[in-house]
């Protein structure tokens, strides 16, 4: 397989055609080597239009879904990001390529360890992976400019909203199959949030150990 041609085809045929046109997002997708985050025995599927299994019943987001999320966030260099659900580390690497400093929480220790190895091999040094349940967010490094969840939740935890800076953005997949919405929440003030749907999709549920303090 011609890796660079496959990457080019992924961007041009899967991602641009889904209206992902932000230059910064496209640059990150070209820069981050997706094949380095896919299990070795599934290398041939690195650029396929599927959710690639990574173990422990979890998968990588489909390329176009990750790209649409990245575009929606409109990351700025130097922003502090909390990611709930590290998975393979690929989404964290994309955000790091935009110049963000990422703290990523992964509930499965084996996946967290693998993500650290993937990120290290890819030369990504602005991502910190923690072994943790993300249901309550991560107060230690709050507040954040951006919070993103890598899988679907029934509703958004109150703690996630509260750990945003004023002006910060929260991206989450909300709902259950067959219809879920990708939602972007912006903290307008200490007590006010603005929410809008970005796109409809279906993604696997986010694995969380606790689900208290959830709100619609």
N, C-alpha and C. Protein backbone atom coordinates (compact mmCIF):
# COMPACT_ATOMS: atom_id res chain seq x y z
N UNK A 1 0.84 -1.20 0.00
CA UNK A 1 0.00 0.00 0.00
C UNK A 1 0.87 1.25 0.00
N UNK A 2 0.54 2.18 -0.86
CA UNK A 2 1.22 3.48 -0.88
C UNK A 2 0.59 4.34 0.23
N UNK A 3 1.30 4.45 1.36
CA UNK A 3 0.75 5.12 2.54
C UNK A 3 0.37 6.57 2.25
N UNK A 4 1.27 7.30 1.62
CA UNK A 4 0.99 8.72 1.39
C UNK A 4 -0.16 8.93 0.41
N UNK A 5 -0.28 8.05 -0.58
CA UNK A 5 -1.42 8.14 -1.50
C UNK A 5 -2.72 7.82 -0.76
N UNK A 6 -2.66 6.83 0.14
CA UNK A 6 -3.85 6.48 0.92
C UNK A 6 -4.26 7.62 1.83
N UNK A 7 -3.30 8.31 2.41
CA UNK A 7 -3.60 9.47 3.27
C UNK A 7 -4.23 10.59 2.45
N UNK A 8 -3.64 10.83 1.29
CA UNK A 8 -4.18 11.86 0.39
C UNK A 8 -5.62 11.52 0.00
N UNK A 9 -5.87 10.27 -0.34
CA UNK A 9 -7.22 9.86 -0.73
C UNK A 9 -8.20 10.01 0.42
N UNK A 10 -7.75 9.67 1.64
CA UNK A 10 -8.61 9.83 2.80
C UNK A 10 -9.06 11.28 2.96
N UNK A 11 -8.10 12.18 2.84
CA UNK A 11 -8.41 13.60 3.02
C UNK A 11 -9.28 14.13 1.89
N UNK A 12 -8.94 13.78 0.66
CA UNK A 12 -9.67 14.34 -0.48
C UNK A 12 -11.02 13.69 -0.73
N UNK A 13 -11.11 12.36 -0.49
CA UNK A 13 -12.33 11.64 -0.85
C UNK A 13 -13.30 11.45 0.32
N UNK A 14 -12.77 11.35 1.53
CA UNK A 14 -13.64 11.15 2.69
C UNK A 14 -13.91 12.46 3.44
N UNK A 15 -12.87 13.26 3.60
CA UNK A 15 -12.95 14.38 4.54
C UNK A 15 -13.39 15.68 3.88
N UNK A 16 -12.77 16.06 2.79
CA UNK A 16 -13.21 17.28 2.10
C UNK A 16 -14.66 17.15 1.63
N UNK A 17 -15.05 15.98 1.22
CA UNK A 17 -16.42 15.80 0.71
C UNK A 17 -17.47 15.89 1.82
N UNK A 18 -17.02 15.89 3.08
CA UNK A 18 -17.94 16.09 4.22
C UNK A 18 -17.87 17.52 4.73
N UNK A 19 -17.41 18.43 3.86
CA UNK A 19 -17.34 19.86 4.18
C UNK A 19 -16.36 20.19 5.29
N UNK A 20 -15.33 19.39 5.45
CA UNK A 20 -14.22 19.76 6.32
C UNK A 20 -13.22 20.49 5.45
N UNK A 21 -13.24 21.82 5.54
CA UNK A 21 -12.44 22.66 4.64
C UNK A 21 -11.50 23.60 5.40
N UNK A 22 -11.54 23.53 6.73
CA UNK A 22 -10.67 24.39 7.53
C UNK A 22 -9.20 24.05 7.27
N UNK A 23 -8.39 25.00 6.83
CA UNK A 23 -6.99 24.71 6.48
C UNK A 23 -6.20 24.11 7.64
N UNK A 24 -6.41 24.60 8.85
CA UNK A 24 -5.67 24.08 10.00
C UNK A 24 -6.01 22.63 10.29
N UNK A 25 -7.28 22.30 10.18
CA UNK A 25 -7.70 20.91 10.41
C UNK A 25 -7.13 19.99 9.34
N UNK A 26 -7.20 20.42 8.10
CA UNK A 26 -6.68 19.59 7.01
C UNK A 26 -5.17 19.40 7.13
N UNK A 27 -4.47 20.44 7.56
CA UNK A 27 -3.02 20.34 7.75
C UNK A 27 -2.69 19.32 8.84
N UNK A 28 -3.46 19.34 9.94
CA UNK A 28 -3.22 18.38 11.02
C UNK A 28 -3.48 16.96 10.54
N UNK A 29 -4.53 16.76 9.76
CA UNK A 29 -4.86 15.43 9.25
C UNK A 29 -3.79 14.90 8.30
N UNK A 30 -3.14 15.80 7.58
CA UNK A 30 -2.04 15.40 6.71
C UNK A 30 -0.76 15.14 7.50
N UNK A 31 -0.58 15.89 8.58
CA UNK A 31 0.65 15.81 9.35
C UNK A 31 0.70 14.60 10.27
N UNK A 32 -0.41 14.30 10.94
CA UNK A 32 -0.43 13.20 11.91
C UNK A 32 -0.58 11.87 11.17
N UNK A 33 0.32 10.97 11.41
CA UNK A 33 0.35 9.69 10.70
C UNK A 33 -0.64 8.72 11.33
N UNK A 34 -1.83 8.66 10.77
CA UNK A 34 -2.90 7.83 11.34
C UNK A 34 -2.48 6.37 11.48
N UNK A 35 -1.68 5.88 10.56
CA UNK A 35 -1.28 4.48 10.59
C UNK A 35 -0.47 4.12 11.84
N UNK A 36 0.12 5.13 12.49
CA UNK A 36 0.89 4.87 13.71
C UNK A 36 -0.01 4.65 14.93
N UNK A 37 -1.29 4.89 14.79
CA UNK A 37 -2.23 4.77 15.90
C UNK A 37 -3.18 3.58 15.73
N UNK A 38 -2.99 2.82 14.65
CA UNK A 38 -3.82 1.66 14.36
C UNK A 38 -3.06 0.40 14.79
N UNK A 39 -3.73 -0.59 15.40
CA UNK A 39 -3.04 -1.84 15.73
C UNK A 39 -2.32 -2.42 14.53
N UNK A 40 -1.15 -3.00 14.75
CA UNK A 40 -0.29 -3.46 13.66
C UNK A 40 -1.00 -4.41 12.71
N UNK A 41 -1.84 -5.30 13.25
CA UNK A 41 -2.49 -6.28 12.39
C UNK A 41 -3.64 -5.69 11.58
N UNK A 42 -3.95 -4.42 11.83
CA UNK A 42 -5.04 -3.76 11.10
C UNK A 42 -4.53 -2.58 10.27
N UNK A 43 -3.24 -2.58 9.98
CA UNK A 43 -2.62 -1.47 9.24
C UNK A 43 -3.34 -1.20 7.91
N UNK A 44 -3.81 -2.24 7.26
CA UNK A 44 -4.47 -2.07 5.96
C UNK A 44 -5.76 -1.28 6.07
N UNK A 45 -6.30 -1.15 7.30
CA UNK A 45 -7.55 -0.42 7.51
C UNK A 45 -7.32 1.00 8.02
N UNK A 46 -6.07 1.42 8.09
CA UNK A 46 -5.75 2.71 8.71
C UNK A 46 -6.53 3.87 8.10
N UNK A 47 -6.76 3.84 6.79
CA UNK A 47 -7.40 4.96 6.11
C UNK A 47 -8.80 4.63 5.61
N UNK A 48 -9.31 3.49 6.05
CA UNK A 48 -10.63 3.06 5.61
C UNK A 48 -11.73 3.90 6.27
N UNK A 49 -12.88 3.91 5.63
CA UNK A 49 -14.01 4.69 6.14
C UNK A 49 -14.80 3.86 7.15
N UNK A 50 -14.09 3.45 8.21
CA UNK A 50 -14.68 2.62 9.25
C UNK A 50 -14.11 3.03 10.60
N UNK A 51 -14.74 2.51 11.68
CA UNK A 51 -14.21 2.66 13.02
C UNK A 51 -13.29 1.47 13.29
N UNK A 52 -12.00 1.69 13.38
CA UNK A 52 -11.03 0.61 13.51
C UNK A 52 -10.96 0.14 14.97
N UNK A 53 -11.14 -1.16 15.22
CA UNK A 53 -11.04 -1.69 16.59
C UNK A 53 -9.63 -1.51 17.15
N UNK A 54 -9.54 -1.14 18.44
CA UNK A 54 -8.23 -0.94 19.07
C UNK A 54 -8.08 -1.78 20.33
N UNK A 55 -9.06 -2.64 20.61
CA UNK A 55 -9.00 -3.49 21.79
C UNK A 55 -9.92 -3.01 22.89
N UNK A 56 -10.19 -3.91 23.85
CA UNK A 56 -11.04 -3.59 24.99
C UNK A 56 -12.44 -3.14 24.56
N UNK A 57 -12.87 -3.61 23.39
CA UNK A 57 -14.19 -3.25 22.90
C UNK A 57 -14.30 -1.83 22.40
N UNK A 58 -13.17 -1.14 22.21
CA UNK A 58 -13.19 0.25 21.78
C UNK A 58 -12.66 0.40 20.35
N UNK A 59 -13.00 1.51 19.75
CA UNK A 59 -12.61 1.76 18.36
C UNK A 59 -12.11 3.19 18.19
N UNK A 60 -11.37 3.42 17.11
CA UNK A 60 -11.03 4.78 16.70
C UNK A 60 -12.23 5.37 15.97
N UNK A 61 -12.45 6.66 16.13
CA UNK A 61 -13.49 7.32 15.35
C UNK A 61 -13.18 7.20 13.87
N UNK A 62 -14.21 7.10 13.07
CA UNK A 62 -14.04 7.12 11.62
C UNK A 62 -13.32 8.41 11.22
N UNK A 63 -12.43 8.38 10.21
CA UNK A 63 -11.66 9.58 9.87
C UNK A 63 -12.49 10.84 9.68
N UNK A 64 -13.62 10.74 8.97
CA UNK A 64 -14.41 11.95 8.72
C UNK A 64 -15.04 12.48 9.99
N UNK A 65 -15.37 11.59 10.94
CA UNK A 65 -15.96 12.04 12.20
C UNK A 65 -14.93 12.78 13.04
N UNK A 66 -13.73 12.23 13.13
CA UNK A 66 -12.65 12.91 13.84
C UNK A 66 -12.35 14.26 13.20
N UNK A 67 -12.37 14.30 11.88
CA UNK A 67 -12.08 15.54 11.16
C UNK A 67 -13.15 16.60 11.41
N UNK A 68 -14.41 16.19 11.41
CA UNK A 68 -15.49 17.15 11.65
C UNK A 68 -15.45 17.68 13.08
N UNK A 69 -15.08 16.82 14.03
CA UNK A 69 -14.94 17.28 15.41
C UNK A 69 -13.79 18.27 15.52
N UNK A 70 -12.67 17.96 14.90
CA UNK A 70 -11.51 18.84 14.94
C UNK A 70 -11.85 20.21 14.35
N UNK A 71 -12.56 20.23 13.24
CA UNK A 71 -12.94 21.49 12.62
C UNK A 71 -13.88 22.28 13.52
N UNK A 72 -14.82 21.62 14.17
CA UNK A 72 -15.79 22.29 15.02
C UNK A 72 -15.13 22.99 16.20
N UNK A 73 -14.04 22.43 16.71
CA UNK A 73 -13.39 22.99 17.90
C UNK A 73 -12.67 24.31 17.63
N UNK A 74 -12.20 24.50 16.38
CA UNK A 74 -11.49 25.75 16.04
C UNK A 74 -10.40 26.05 17.07
N UNK A 75 -9.54 25.07 17.28
CA UNK A 75 -8.47 25.20 18.28
C UNK A 75 -7.51 26.32 17.95
N UNK A 76 -7.03 26.96 19.01
CA UNK A 76 -6.01 28.00 18.89
C UNK A 76 -4.75 27.52 19.59
N UNK A 77 -3.61 27.92 19.05
CA UNK A 77 -2.32 27.51 19.61
C UNK A 77 -2.23 27.91 21.08
N UNK A 78 -1.79 26.98 21.90
CA UNK A 78 -1.61 27.25 23.32
C UNK A 78 -2.82 26.96 24.18
N UNK A 79 -3.96 26.57 23.57
CA UNK A 79 -5.13 26.29 24.37
C UNK A 79 -4.95 24.98 25.15
N UNK A 80 -5.62 24.93 26.31
CA UNK A 80 -5.56 23.75 27.16
C UNK A 80 -6.82 22.93 26.95
N UNK A 81 -6.63 21.65 26.61
CA UNK A 81 -7.72 20.76 26.23
C UNK A 81 -7.80 19.58 27.19
N UNK A 82 -9.02 19.22 27.58
CA UNK A 82 -9.27 17.97 28.28
C UNK A 82 -10.01 17.04 27.34
N UNK A 83 -9.43 15.88 27.09
CA UNK A 83 -10.07 14.86 26.26
C UNK A 83 -10.55 13.73 27.16
N UNK A 84 -11.82 13.35 27.02
CA UNK A 84 -12.38 12.24 27.78
C UNK A 84 -12.40 11.03 26.86
N UNK A 85 -11.52 10.07 27.10
CA UNK A 85 -11.42 8.88 26.26
C UNK A 85 -10.28 8.99 25.27
N UNK A 86 -9.10 8.55 25.67
CA UNK A 86 -7.91 8.66 24.82
C UNK A 86 -7.96 7.72 23.63
N UNK A 87 -8.42 6.48 23.88
CA UNK A 87 -8.41 5.49 22.82
C UNK A 87 -7.00 5.22 22.33
N UNK A 88 -6.79 5.36 21.05
CA UNK A 88 -5.47 5.11 20.45
C UNK A 88 -4.52 6.29 20.60
N UNK A 89 -5.06 7.46 20.96
CA UNK A 89 -4.25 8.67 21.04
C UNK A 89 -4.32 9.52 19.78
N UNK A 90 -5.03 9.04 18.74
CA UNK A 90 -5.03 9.75 17.46
C UNK A 90 -5.70 11.12 17.55
N UNK A 91 -6.86 11.22 18.22
CA UNK A 91 -7.53 12.51 18.31
C UNK A 91 -6.68 13.49 19.12
N UNK A 92 -6.06 13.00 20.17
CA UNK A 92 -5.17 13.86 20.96
C UNK A 92 -4.02 14.37 20.11
N UNK A 93 -3.48 13.50 19.26
CA UNK A 93 -2.37 13.91 18.39
C UNK A 93 -2.81 14.97 17.38
N UNK A 94 -4.02 14.83 16.86
CA UNK A 94 -4.55 15.85 15.94
C UNK A 94 -4.66 17.20 16.63
N UNK A 95 -5.18 17.20 17.86
CA UNK A 95 -5.32 18.47 18.59
C UNK A 95 -3.96 19.04 18.96
N UNK A 96 -3.03 18.16 19.31
CA UNK A 96 -1.67 18.62 19.61
C UNK A 96 -1.02 19.25 18.38
N UNK A 97 -1.32 18.70 17.20
CA UNK A 97 -0.76 19.25 15.96
C UNK A 97 -1.28 20.66 15.70
N UNK A 98 -2.44 21.01 16.27
CA UNK A 98 -2.96 22.37 16.16
C UNK A 98 -2.34 23.31 17.18
N UNK A 99 -1.42 22.78 18.00
CA UNK A 99 -0.72 23.60 18.99
C UNK A 99 -1.35 23.60 20.36
N UNK A 100 -2.33 22.72 20.59
CA UNK A 100 -2.99 22.65 21.89
C UNK A 100 -2.16 21.80 22.86
N UNK A 101 -2.36 22.05 24.17
CA UNK A 101 -1.79 21.22 25.22
C UNK A 101 -2.92 20.34 25.74
N UNK A 102 -2.78 19.03 25.59
CA UNK A 102 -3.88 18.11 25.82
C UNK A 102 -3.63 17.24 27.04
N UNK A 103 -4.63 17.21 27.94
CA UNK A 103 -4.68 16.23 29.01
C UNK A 103 -5.77 15.25 28.63
N UNK A 104 -5.41 13.97 28.46
CA UNK A 104 -6.35 12.98 27.96
C UNK A 104 -6.56 11.89 28.99
N UNK A 105 -7.82 11.55 29.27
CA UNK A 105 -8.17 10.55 30.28
C UNK A 105 -8.62 9.26 29.62
N UNK A 106 -8.06 8.14 30.05
CA UNK A 106 -8.44 6.83 29.50
C UNK A 106 -8.71 5.87 30.65
N UNK A 107 -9.91 5.29 30.66
CA UNK A 107 -10.32 4.41 31.75
C UNK A 107 -9.66 3.04 31.68
N UNK A 108 -9.26 2.60 30.49
CA UNK A 108 -8.63 1.29 30.32
C UNK A 108 -7.10 1.43 30.38
N UNK A 109 -6.45 0.92 31.45
CA UNK A 109 -5.00 1.09 31.58
C UNK A 109 -4.21 0.57 30.38
N UNK A 110 -4.64 -0.54 29.78
CA UNK A 110 -3.91 -1.07 28.64
C UNK A 110 -3.96 -0.12 27.45
N UNK A 111 -5.13 0.48 27.22
CA UNK A 111 -5.24 1.44 26.12
C UNK A 111 -4.46 2.71 26.41
N UNK A 112 -4.48 3.13 27.68
CA UNK A 112 -3.70 4.32 28.06
C UNK A 112 -2.22 4.10 27.78
N UNK A 113 -1.72 2.92 28.15
CA UNK A 113 -0.31 2.61 27.92
C UNK A 113 0.00 2.56 26.43
N UNK A 114 -0.90 1.95 25.66
CA UNK A 114 -0.68 1.88 24.22
C UNK A 114 -0.72 3.27 23.59
N UNK A 115 -1.64 4.12 24.05
CA UNK A 115 -1.72 5.48 23.52
C UNK A 115 -0.42 6.24 23.81
N UNK A 116 0.13 6.06 24.99
CA UNK A 116 1.40 6.73 25.31
C UNK A 116 2.49 6.28 24.35
N UNK A 117 2.52 4.98 24.07
CA UNK A 117 3.54 4.47 23.13
C UNK A 117 3.30 5.04 21.73
N UNK A 118 2.06 5.06 21.30
CA UNK A 118 1.74 5.61 19.97
C UNK A 118 2.17 7.07 19.87
N UNK A 119 1.84 7.85 20.89
CA UNK A 119 2.17 9.28 20.88
C UNK A 119 3.68 9.49 20.92
N UNK A 120 4.37 8.66 21.69
CA UNK A 120 5.83 8.76 21.78
C UNK A 120 6.47 8.44 20.43
N UNK A 121 5.99 7.37 19.79
CA UNK A 121 6.53 7.01 18.48
C UNK A 121 6.26 8.08 17.43
N UNK A 122 5.15 8.78 17.60
CA UNK A 122 4.79 9.84 16.65
C UNK A 122 5.47 11.17 16.98
N UNK A 123 6.23 11.20 18.07
CA UNK A 123 6.95 12.42 18.43
C UNK A 123 6.07 13.50 19.02
N UNK A 124 4.93 13.12 19.59
CA UNK A 124 4.00 14.10 20.17
C UNK A 124 4.37 14.29 21.64
N UNK A 125 4.74 15.51 22.01
CA UNK A 125 5.18 15.74 23.39
C UNK A 125 4.30 16.73 24.15
N UNK A 126 3.17 17.13 23.56
CA UNK A 126 2.27 18.06 24.27
C UNK A 126 0.93 17.41 24.61
N UNK A 127 0.98 16.09 24.89
CA UNK A 127 -0.19 15.34 25.35
C UNK A 127 0.18 14.57 26.61
N UNK A 128 -0.62 14.72 27.66
CA UNK A 128 -0.46 13.96 28.89
C UNK A 128 -1.62 12.98 28.99
N UNK A 129 -1.33 11.68 29.05
CA UNK A 129 -2.37 10.65 29.16
C UNK A 129 -2.44 10.19 30.61
N UNK A 130 -3.64 10.27 31.19
CA UNK A 130 -3.87 9.85 32.56
C UNK A 130 -4.79 8.63 32.58
N UNK A 131 -4.50 7.68 33.47
CA UNK A 131 -5.39 6.54 33.69
C UNK A 131 -6.51 7.02 34.62
N UNK A 132 -7.70 7.27 34.06
CA UNK A 132 -8.76 7.85 34.89
C UNK A 132 -10.11 7.69 34.22
N UNK A 133 -11.15 7.64 35.06
CA UNK A 133 -12.53 7.71 34.61
C UNK A 133 -12.86 9.18 34.39
N UNK A 134 -13.36 9.51 33.21
CA UNK A 134 -13.60 10.91 32.88
C UNK A 134 -14.98 11.44 33.20
N UNK A 135 -15.82 10.66 33.89
CA UNK A 135 -17.20 11.10 34.13
C UNK A 135 -17.25 12.42 34.88
N UNK A 136 -16.32 12.64 35.80
CA UNK A 136 -16.30 13.87 36.58
C UNK A 136 -15.33 14.90 36.01
N UNK A 137 -14.84 14.66 34.80
CA UNK A 137 -13.84 15.57 34.25
C UNK A 137 -12.50 15.35 34.93
N UNK A 138 -11.72 16.42 35.02
CA UNK A 138 -10.39 16.35 35.66
C UNK A 138 -10.11 17.70 36.28
N UNK A 139 -10.56 17.85 37.55
CA UNK A 139 -10.51 19.15 38.21
C UNK A 139 -9.09 19.64 38.44
N UNK A 140 -8.14 18.70 38.50
CA UNK A 140 -6.75 19.06 38.82
C UNK A 140 -6.19 20.12 37.89
N UNK A 141 -6.54 20.06 36.61
CA UNK A 141 -5.98 21.02 35.64
C UNK A 141 -7.02 22.03 35.13
N UNK A 142 -8.21 22.02 35.70
CA UNK A 142 -9.26 22.94 35.27
C UNK A 142 -8.91 24.38 35.70
N UNK A 143 -9.48 25.38 35.00
CA UNK A 143 -10.45 25.27 33.90
C UNK A 143 -9.76 25.08 32.55
N UNK A 144 -10.55 24.62 31.57
CA UNK A 144 -10.03 24.29 30.24
C UNK A 144 -10.61 25.22 29.18
N UNK A 145 -9.83 25.43 28.14
CA UNK A 145 -10.34 26.14 26.97
C UNK A 145 -11.28 25.25 26.18
N UNK A 146 -10.97 23.95 26.16
CA UNK A 146 -11.74 22.99 25.36
C UNK A 146 -11.85 21.68 26.13
N UNK A 147 -13.04 21.07 26.07
CA UNK A 147 -13.24 19.71 26.55
C UNK A 147 -13.90 18.93 25.41
N UNK A 148 -13.40 17.74 25.14
CA UNK A 148 -13.98 16.91 24.08
C UNK A 148 -14.11 15.48 24.57
N UNK A 149 -15.25 14.86 24.27
CA UNK A 149 -15.48 13.45 24.59
C UNK A 149 -15.40 12.66 23.30
N UNK A 150 -14.70 11.53 23.35
CA UNK A 150 -14.45 10.76 22.13
C UNK A 150 -15.50 9.70 21.83
N UNK A 151 -16.52 9.59 22.69
CA UNK A 151 -17.61 8.65 22.46
C UNK A 151 -18.91 9.27 22.92
N UNK A 152 -19.99 8.55 22.71
CA UNK A 152 -21.32 9.10 22.97
C UNK A 152 -21.72 8.98 24.44
N UNK A 153 -22.46 9.99 24.92
CA UNK A 153 -23.06 9.98 26.25
C UNK A 153 -24.55 10.26 26.11
N UNK A 154 -25.33 9.79 27.08
CA UNK A 154 -26.76 10.07 27.05
C UNK A 154 -27.03 11.55 27.28
N UNK A 155 -26.23 12.14 28.12
CA UNK A 155 -26.35 13.57 28.43
C UNK A 155 -24.98 14.06 28.90
N UNK A 156 -24.82 15.36 28.99
CA UNK A 156 -23.51 15.94 29.29
C UNK A 156 -23.34 16.13 30.79
N UNK A 157 -22.27 15.58 31.39
CA UNK A 157 -22.05 15.76 32.83
C UNK A 157 -21.92 17.24 33.21
N UNK A 158 -22.54 17.60 34.32
CA UNK A 158 -22.45 18.98 34.79
C UNK A 158 -21.01 19.39 35.06
N UNK A 159 -20.19 18.44 35.57
CA UNK A 159 -18.80 18.77 35.87
C UNK A 159 -18.03 19.20 34.63
N UNK A 160 -18.35 18.61 33.50
CA UNK A 160 -17.64 19.00 32.27
C UNK A 160 -17.90 20.47 31.97
N UNK A 161 -19.14 20.88 32.02
CA UNK A 161 -19.49 22.27 31.75
C UNK A 161 -18.78 23.20 32.74
N UNK A 162 -18.83 22.81 34.03
CA UNK A 162 -18.28 23.66 35.08
C UNK A 162 -16.76 23.82 34.98
N UNK A 163 -16.09 22.88 34.32
CA UNK A 163 -14.63 22.95 34.21
C UNK A 163 -14.16 23.72 32.98
N UNK A 164 -15.11 24.29 32.23
CA UNK A 164 -14.76 25.16 31.11
C UNK A 164 -14.43 26.57 31.58
N UNK A 165 -13.48 27.21 30.92
CA UNK A 165 -13.29 28.65 31.10
C UNK A 165 -14.45 29.39 30.45
N UNK A 166 -14.68 30.61 30.87
CA UNK A 166 -15.63 31.46 30.14
C UNK A 166 -15.06 31.67 28.74
N UNK A 167 -15.88 31.40 27.74
CA UNK A 167 -15.41 31.42 26.35
C UNK A 167 -14.95 30.06 25.87
N UNK A 168 -14.87 29.09 26.78
CA UNK A 168 -14.43 27.74 26.41
C UNK A 168 -15.50 26.96 25.67
N UNK A 169 -15.07 25.89 24.98
CA UNK A 169 -15.98 25.06 24.18
C UNK A 169 -15.93 23.62 24.64
N UNK A 170 -17.08 22.99 24.59
CA UNK A 170 -17.22 21.58 24.94
C UNK A 170 -17.86 20.86 23.76
N UNK A 171 -17.21 19.80 23.28
CA UNK A 171 -17.73 19.03 22.15
C UNK A 171 -18.06 17.63 22.64
N UNK A 172 -19.29 17.18 22.37
CA UNK A 172 -19.69 15.84 22.80
C UNK A 172 -20.70 15.25 21.83
N UNK A 173 -20.69 13.93 21.72
CA UNK A 173 -21.70 13.20 20.97
C UNK A 173 -22.79 12.81 21.98
N UNK A 174 -24.01 13.22 21.72
CA UNK A 174 -25.08 13.01 22.70
C UNK A 174 -26.23 12.21 22.08
N UNK A 175 -26.70 11.21 22.82
CA UNK A 175 -27.84 10.42 22.36
C UNK A 175 -27.50 8.96 22.20
N UNK A 176 -28.43 8.23 21.58
CA UNK A 176 -28.24 6.80 21.33
C UNK A 176 -28.62 6.50 19.89
N UNK A 177 -28.05 5.41 19.36
CA UNK A 177 -28.39 4.99 18.00
C UNK A 177 -29.90 4.74 17.93
N UNK A 178 -30.53 5.05 16.80
CA UNK A 178 -29.91 5.31 15.49
C UNK A 178 -29.56 6.77 15.20
N UNK A 179 -29.88 7.69 16.13
CA UNK A 179 -29.58 9.09 15.87
C UNK A 179 -28.88 9.71 17.07
N UNK A 180 -27.71 10.27 16.82
CA UNK A 180 -26.98 11.03 17.83
C UNK A 180 -26.62 12.38 17.22
N UNK A 181 -26.41 13.34 18.10
CA UNK A 181 -25.99 14.66 17.64
C UNK A 181 -24.63 15.01 18.22
N UNK A 182 -23.78 15.55 17.38
CA UNK A 182 -22.55 16.15 17.86
C UNK A 182 -22.90 17.56 18.29
N UNK A 183 -22.64 17.88 19.55
CA UNK A 183 -23.05 19.15 20.13
C UNK A 183 -21.84 19.96 20.55
N UNK A 184 -21.88 21.25 20.29
CA UNK A 184 -20.85 22.17 20.75
C UNK A 184 -21.47 23.12 21.76
N UNK A 185 -20.93 23.11 22.97
CA UNK A 185 -21.39 23.98 24.05
C UNK A 185 -20.33 25.04 24.30
N UNK A 186 -20.73 26.29 24.34
CA UNK A 186 -19.82 27.40 24.64
C UNK A 186 -20.23 28.02 25.97
N UNK A 187 -19.27 28.21 26.86
CA UNK A 187 -19.56 28.88 28.13
C UNK A 187 -19.52 30.38 27.91
N UNK A 188 -20.66 31.01 28.03
CA UNK A 188 -20.80 32.43 27.75
C UNK A 188 -20.45 33.28 28.97
N UNK A 189 -20.79 32.79 30.15
CA UNK A 189 -20.50 33.50 31.39
C UNK A 189 -20.38 32.47 32.50
N UNK A 190 -20.23 32.91 33.74
CA UNK A 190 -20.10 31.99 34.86
C UNK A 190 -21.30 31.07 34.99
N UNK A 191 -22.47 31.52 34.54
CA UNK A 191 -23.69 30.73 34.73
C UNK A 191 -24.45 30.45 33.44
N UNK A 192 -23.93 30.89 32.30
CA UNK A 192 -24.68 30.76 31.04
C UNK A 192 -23.87 29.99 30.01
N UNK A 193 -24.58 29.09 29.31
CA UNK A 193 -23.97 28.28 28.26
C UNK A 193 -24.81 28.37 26.99
N UNK A 194 -24.15 28.37 25.85
CA UNK A 194 -24.83 28.35 24.56
C UNK A 194 -24.53 27.03 23.88
N UNK A 195 -25.57 26.37 23.36
CA UNK A 195 -25.42 25.05 22.78
C UNK A 195 -26.01 24.99 21.39
N UNK A 196 -25.33 24.33 20.47
CA UNK A 196 -25.92 24.09 19.16
C UNK A 196 -25.43 22.76 18.57
N UNK A 197 -26.28 22.15 17.77
CA UNK A 197 -25.92 20.91 17.11
C UNK A 197 -25.01 21.18 15.93
N UNK A 198 -23.97 20.36 15.79
CA UNK A 198 -23.00 20.54 14.71
C UNK A 198 -23.31 19.60 13.55
N UNK A 199 -23.54 18.33 13.85
CA UNK A 199 -23.92 17.37 12.82
C UNK A 199 -24.53 16.15 13.49
N UNK A 200 -25.22 15.33 12.70
CA UNK A 200 -25.78 14.07 13.21
C UNK A 200 -24.85 12.93 12.83
N UNK A 201 -24.78 11.93 13.71
CA UNK A 201 -23.86 10.82 13.48
C UNK A 201 -24.26 9.67 14.39
N UNK A 202 -23.54 8.58 14.32
CA UNK A 202 -23.64 7.49 15.28
C UNK A 202 -22.22 7.04 15.61
N UNK A 203 -21.87 7.06 16.89
CA UNK A 203 -20.54 6.63 17.33
C UNK A 203 -20.72 5.71 18.54
N UNK A 204 -19.71 4.90 18.86
CA UNK A 204 -19.80 4.04 20.05
C UNK A 204 -19.93 4.86 21.33
N UNK A 205 -20.53 4.24 22.34
CA UNK A 205 -20.69 4.91 23.63
C UNK A 205 -19.34 5.11 24.30
N UNK A 206 -19.23 6.20 25.02
CA UNK A 206 -18.03 6.48 25.81
C UNK A 206 -18.04 5.60 27.05
N UNK A 207 -16.92 4.96 27.34
CA UNK A 207 -16.86 4.09 28.51
C UNK A 207 -16.53 4.91 29.74
N UNK A 208 -17.45 4.92 30.69
CA UNK A 208 -17.28 5.64 31.95
C UNK A 208 -17.65 4.71 33.10
N UNK A 209 -16.94 4.83 34.23
CA UNK A 209 -17.22 3.98 35.38
C UNK A 209 -18.38 4.53 36.19
N UNK A 210 -18.51 5.84 36.24
CA UNK A 210 -19.57 6.49 37.00
C UNK A 210 -20.29 7.46 36.10
N UNK A 211 -21.57 7.66 36.35
CA UNK A 211 -22.37 8.54 35.50
C UNK A 211 -23.28 9.43 36.35
N UNK A 212 -22.72 9.97 37.43
CA UNK A 212 -23.47 10.87 38.29
C UNK A 212 -23.35 12.29 37.77
N UNK A 213 -24.23 13.15 38.22
CA UNK A 213 -24.21 14.57 37.92
C UNK A 213 -24.34 14.86 36.42
N UNK A 214 -25.08 14.01 35.71
CA UNK A 214 -25.31 14.25 34.29
C UNK A 214 -26.51 15.16 34.11
N UNK A 215 -26.44 16.00 33.10
CA UNK A 215 -27.54 16.91 32.79
C UNK A 215 -27.86 16.80 31.32
N UNK A 216 -29.05 17.23 30.92
CA UNK A 216 -29.41 17.25 29.51
C UNK A 216 -28.74 18.42 28.83
